[in-house]
Amino acid sequence: MSALLTRNRIIGLVIAAFIALIDQAVKLYVVGPLALRQVGNIDLLPFFDLTYTENRGISLGMLQATDMETRWLLVAMTAVIALIVLVWMMREKALGDIFGLALILGGALGNIRDRYDLGYVIDYADFHIGDFRPFLIFNIADAAITIGVVIILARSLFVRDKEETESGDAPRGETNDA
């Protein structure tokens, strides 16, 4: 078991737990002391507001959970995805990959908790430039998932060839024949 839980993997688990806890703490603050559910909107900066939204769907509002069956289907689907990400993370060795996967896992856990407890995900972060909104209203979990996916994609596109070369494998198109 100690071989499975290397230092990098433990760091990944801690990061995932931290993201999930921070996400839940901020959501509690938003609906509790800030009473954003009742207020609806708080202008913070010229380009950033807090706007209460209940997201009953998945990314970009797709697959809306309008009944109990769909709600539990979404909980099950996202739990399976989170489990796949966890297994993937536990198989990785590079801290960069583990970090990206930990962000995805932590964000998924934060949103799963909302959907399980409430039937929807609480979103509140509203970035805008005037009336233009480049993103839907989101939360810390959504941001962590997005950043994690970008890290995984960037590493898969830009880091793999370097790591293969360093480990003694020939870069694409070259051979080790001397």
Foldseek 3Di string as FASTA:
>chain_A
DCVLCDPLLVVLQVLLQVLLVVQVVVVCCCCPVVVCVVVQWADDDLFKIWGKDWQQAPPPNPQGCPDPVSLVVVLVVLVVVLVVLSVVLSPDDDSLLSQLSSLLNSLSNNQSVCSVVPVTGIFTIFGGDVPHGPGDGHTSSVVSNVVSVVSNVCCVVPPVQVVCVVVPQDGPPDHPDD
